[in-house]
Amino acid sequence: MINYFSTYLTLLSLIAGLKQAVYTFFLGGAVFRATEYLATNIQHKTKAILAGAFIPFFVTLLLVFGLHNMRGTPRPLESTLPTVFVFTGTLFWAIIKRRAMEKRKKLEKL
């Protein structure tokens, strides 16, 4: 929608949106897998959660912004802003995975 209101080209905006959906579907899994790995493999709990949330988020943000700039998106900054919502997801996923790991470790000690 952001690019449609810049260009008013329905078909090209729809194609761009569909490409974005496909990228998000496949790369979203990789982002959340990286979040899970960081959140469960760093010893210090707070550092693990922060790394699990911020590192995948910033990598995603830089890749999305770079791709939009390279591909000539009419409004690359505005097109990148929805990526900010990824941070919320990665933060919650990091917390969930860390809690599950700690619960599993406690049960193993029993």
C-alpha atoms as a PDB file:
ATOM      1  CA  MET A   1       0.000   0.000   0.000  1.00  0.00           C
ATOM      2  CA  ILE A   2       2.873   2.365   0.761  1.00  0.00           C
ATOM      3  CA  ASN A   3       4.243   2.073  -2.750  1.00  0.00           C
ATOM      4  CA  TYR A   4       0.812   2.106  -4.373  1.00  0.00           C
ATOM      5  CA  PHE A   5       0.106   5.557  -2.989  1.00  0.00           C
ATOM      6  CA  SER A   6       3.455   6.725  -4.407  1.00  0.00           C
ATOM      7  CA  THR A   7       3.046   5.241  -7.886  1.00  0.00           C
ATOM      8  CA  TYR A   8      -0.671   4.381  -8.291  1.00  0.00           C
ATOM      9  CA  LEU A   9       0.403   1.283 -10.201  1.00  0.00           C
ATOM     10  CA  THR A  10      -1.920  -1.449  -8.984  1.00  0.00           C
ATOM     11  CA  LEU A  11      -0.350  -4.486 -10.652  1.00  0.00           C
ATOM     12  CA  LEU A  12       3.250  -3.594  -9.792  1.00  0.00           C
ATOM     13  CA  SER A  13       2.303  -2.796  -6.207  1.00  0.00           C
ATOM     14  CA  LEU A  14       0.459  -6.110  -5.924  1.00  0.00           C
ATOM     15  CA  ILE A  15       3.453  -8.006  -7.326  1.00  0.00           C
ATOM     16  CA  ALA A  16       5.779  -6.234  -4.877  1.00  0.00           C
ATOM     17  CA  GLY A  17       3.455  -7.121  -2.005  1.00  0.00           C
ATOM     18  CA  LEU A  18       3.306 -10.772  -3.062  1.00  0.00           C
ATOM     19  CA  LYS A  19       7.106 -10.933  -3.292  1.00  0.00           C
ATOM     20  CA  GLN A  20       7.335  -9.444   0.179  1.00  0.00           C
ATOM     21  CA  ALA A  21       4.903 -12.058   1.496  1.00  0.00           C
ATOM     22  CA  VAL A  22       6.987 -14.896   0.029  1.00  0.00           C
ATOM     23  CA  TYR A  23      10.229 -13.439   1.413  1.00  0.00           C
ATOM     24  CA  THR A  24       8.641 -13.002   4.807  1.00  0.00           C
ATOM     25  CA  PHE A  25       7.299 -16.551   4.837  1.00  0.00           C
ATOM     26  CA  PHE A  26      10.677 -18.145   4.147  1.00  0.00           C
ATOM     27  CA  LEU A  27      13.026 -15.734   5.864  1.00  0.00           C
ATOM     28  CA  GLY A  28      10.720 -15.292   8.852  1.00  0.00           C
ATOM     29  CA  GLY A  29      11.398 -18.882   9.820  1.00  0.00           C
ATOM     30  CA  ALA A  30      15.134 -18.285   9.652  1.00  0.00           C
ATOM     31  CA  VAL A  31      14.828 -15.147  11.771  1.00  0.00           C
ATOM     32  CA  PHE A  32      12.885 -16.947  14.489  1.00  0.00           C
ATOM     33  CA  ARG A  33      15.279 -19.893  14.379  1.00  0.00           C
ATOM     34  CA  ALA A  34      18.196 -17.485  14.925  1.00  0.00           C
ATOM     35  CA  THR A  35      16.272 -15.909  17.791  1.00  0.00           C
ATOM     36  CA  GLU A  36      15.721 -19.303  19.363  1.00  0.00           C
ATOM     37  CA  TYR A  37      19.390 -20.243  18.986  1.00  0.00           C
ATOM     38  CA  LEU A  38      20.670 -17.046  20.605  1.00  0.00           C
ATOM     39  CA  ALA A  39      18.089 -17.093  23.397  1.00  0.00           C
ATOM     40  CA  THR A  40      18.959 -20.638  24.404  1.00  0.00           C
ATOM     41  CA  ASN A  41      22.720 -20.778  23.844  1.00  0.00           C
ATOM     42  CA  ILE A  42      23.913 -17.697  25.709  1.00  0.00           C
ATOM     43  CA  GLN A  43      24.406 -18.386  29.425  1.00  0.00           C
ATOM     44  CA  HIS A  44      23.335 -15.055  30.935  1.00  0.00           C
ATOM     45  CA  LYS A  45      19.526 -14.833  30.730  1.00  0.00           C
ATOM     46  CA  THR A  46      19.163 -11.100  30.080  1.00  0.00           C
ATOM     47  CA  LYS A  47      21.936 -11.060  27.484  1.00  0.00           C
ATOM     48  CA  ALA A  48      20.442 -14.113  25.808  1.00  0.00           C
ATOM     49  CA  ILE A  49      17.004 -12.554  25.492  1.00  0.00           C
ATOM     50  CA  LEU A  50      18.347  -9.201  24.305  1.00  0.00           C
ATOM     51  CA  ALA A  51      20.686 -10.816  21.779  1.00  0.00           C
ATOM     52  CA  GLY A  52      17.921 -13.146  20.631  1.00  0.00           C
ATOM     53  CA  ALA A  53      15.634 -10.203  19.997  1.00  0.00           C
ATOM     54  CA  PHE A  54      17.943  -7.426  18.790  1.00  0.00           C
ATOM     55  CA  ILE A  55      20.450  -9.237  16.570  1.00  0.00           C
ATOM     56  CA  PRO A  56      17.911 -10.918  14.233  1.00  0.00           C
ATOM     57  CA  PHE A  57      15.837  -7.725  14.234  1.00  0.00           C
ATOM     58  CA  PHE A  58      18.723  -5.477  13.184  1.00  0.00           C
ATOM     59  CA  VAL A  59      19.925  -7.939  10.548  1.00  0.00           C
ATOM     60  CA  THR A  60      16.386  -8.112   9.146  1.00  0.00           C
ATOM     61  CA  LEU A  61      16.005  -4.344   9.251  1.00  0.00           C
ATOM     62  CA  LEU A  62      19.291  -3.776   7.404  1.00  0.00           C
ATOM     63  CA  LEU A  63      18.522  -6.422   4.784  1.00  0.00           C
ATOM     64  CA  VAL A  64      15.016  -5.101   4.129  1.00  0.00           C
ATOM     65  CA  PHE A  65      16.163  -1.492   3.907  1.00  0.00           C
ATOM     66  CA  GLY A  66      19.095  -2.441   1.676  1.00  0.00           C
ATOM     67  CA  LEU A  67      16.890  -4.504  -0.627  1.00  0.00           C
ATOM     68  CA  HIS A  68      14.351  -1.699  -0.934  1.00  0.00           C
ATOM     69  CA  ASN A  69      17.115   0.769  -1.779  1.00  0.00           C
ATOM     70  CA  MET A  70      18.766  -1.527  -4.326  1.00  0.00           C
ATOM     71  CA  ARG A  71      15.492  -2.450  -6.024  1.00  0.00           C
ATOM     72  CA  GLY A  72      14.413   1.168  -6.433  1.00  0.00           C
ATOM     73  CA  THR A  73      11.411   1.155  -4.126  1.00  0.00           C
ATOM     74  CA  PRO A  74       9.802   4.616  -4.314  1.00  0.00           C
ATOM     75  CA  ARG A  75       9.706   4.995  -0.512  1.00  0.00           C
ATOM     76  CA  PRO A  76      12.352   2.677   0.975  1.00  0.00           C
ATOM     77  CA  LEU A  77      12.215   4.055   4.506  1.00  0.00           C
ATOM     78  CA  GLU A  78       8.435   3.863   4.751  1.00  0.00           C
ATOM     79  CA  SER A  79       8.530   0.382   3.221  1.00  0.00           C
ATOM     80  CA  THR A  80      10.986  -0.730   5.891  1.00  0.00           C
ATOM     81  CA  LEU A  81       9.006   0.586   8.858  1.00  0.00           C
ATOM     82  CA  PRO A  82       6.610  -2.420   9.037  1.00  0.00           C
ATOM     83  CA  THR A  83       9.716  -4.514   9.783  1.00  0.00           C
ATOM     84  CA  VAL A  84       9.736  -2.893  13.224  1.00  0.00           C
ATOM     85  CA  PHE A  85       6.904  -5.261  14.119  1.00  0.00           C
ATOM     86  CA  VAL A  86       9.391  -8.125  13.721  1.00  0.00           C
ATOM     87  CA  PHE A  87      11.109  -6.916  16.876  1.00  0.00           C
ATOM     88  CA  THR A  88       8.019  -7.582  18.982  1.00  0.00           C
ATOM     89  CA  GLY A  89       7.817 -11.106  17.634  1.00  0.00           C
ATOM     90  CA  THR A  90      11.495 -11.852  18.160  1.00  0.00           C
ATOM     91  CA  LEU A  91      11.385 -10.458  21.697  1.00  0.00           C
ATOM     92  CA  PHE A  92       8.420 -12.618  22.679  1.00  0.00           C
ATOM     93  CA  TRP A  93       9.920 -15.670  20.952  1.00  0.00           C
ATOM     94  CA  ALA A  94      13.230 -15.186  22.775  1.00  0.00           C
ATOM     95  CA  ILE A  95      11.431 -14.979  26.136  1.00  0.00           C
ATOM     96  CA  ILE A  96       9.272 -18.026  25.385  1.00  0.00           C
ATOM     97  CA  LYS A  97      12.215 -20.153  24.245  1.00  0.00           C
ATOM     98  CA  ARG A  98      14.406 -19.110  27.172  1.00  0.00           C
ATOM     99  CA  ARG A  99      11.664 -19.962  29.671  1.00  0.00           C
ATOM    100  CA  ALA A 100      11.102 -23.331  28.028  1.00  0.00           C
ATOM    101  CA  MET A 101      14.832 -24.078  28.128  1.00  0.00           C
ATOM    102  CA  GLU A 102      15.112 -23.141  31.808  1.00  0.00           C
ATOM    103  CA  LYS A 103      12.039 -25.220  32.669  1.00  0.00           C
ATOM    104  CA  ARG A 104      13.512 -28.204  30.813  1.00  0.00           C
ATOM    105  CA  LYS A 105      16.836 -27.828  32.672  1.00  0.00           C
ATOM    106  CA  LYS A 106      15.053 -27.730  36.033  1.00  0.00           C
ATOM    107  CA  LEU A 107      13.167 -30.898  35.193  1.00  0.00           C
ATOM    108  CA  GLU A 108      16.400 -32.611  34.119  1.00  0.00           C
ATOM    109  CA  LYS A 109      17.987 -31.825  37.495  1.00  0.00           C
ATOM    110  CA  LEU A 110      15.167 -33.568  39.314  1.00  0.00           C
END
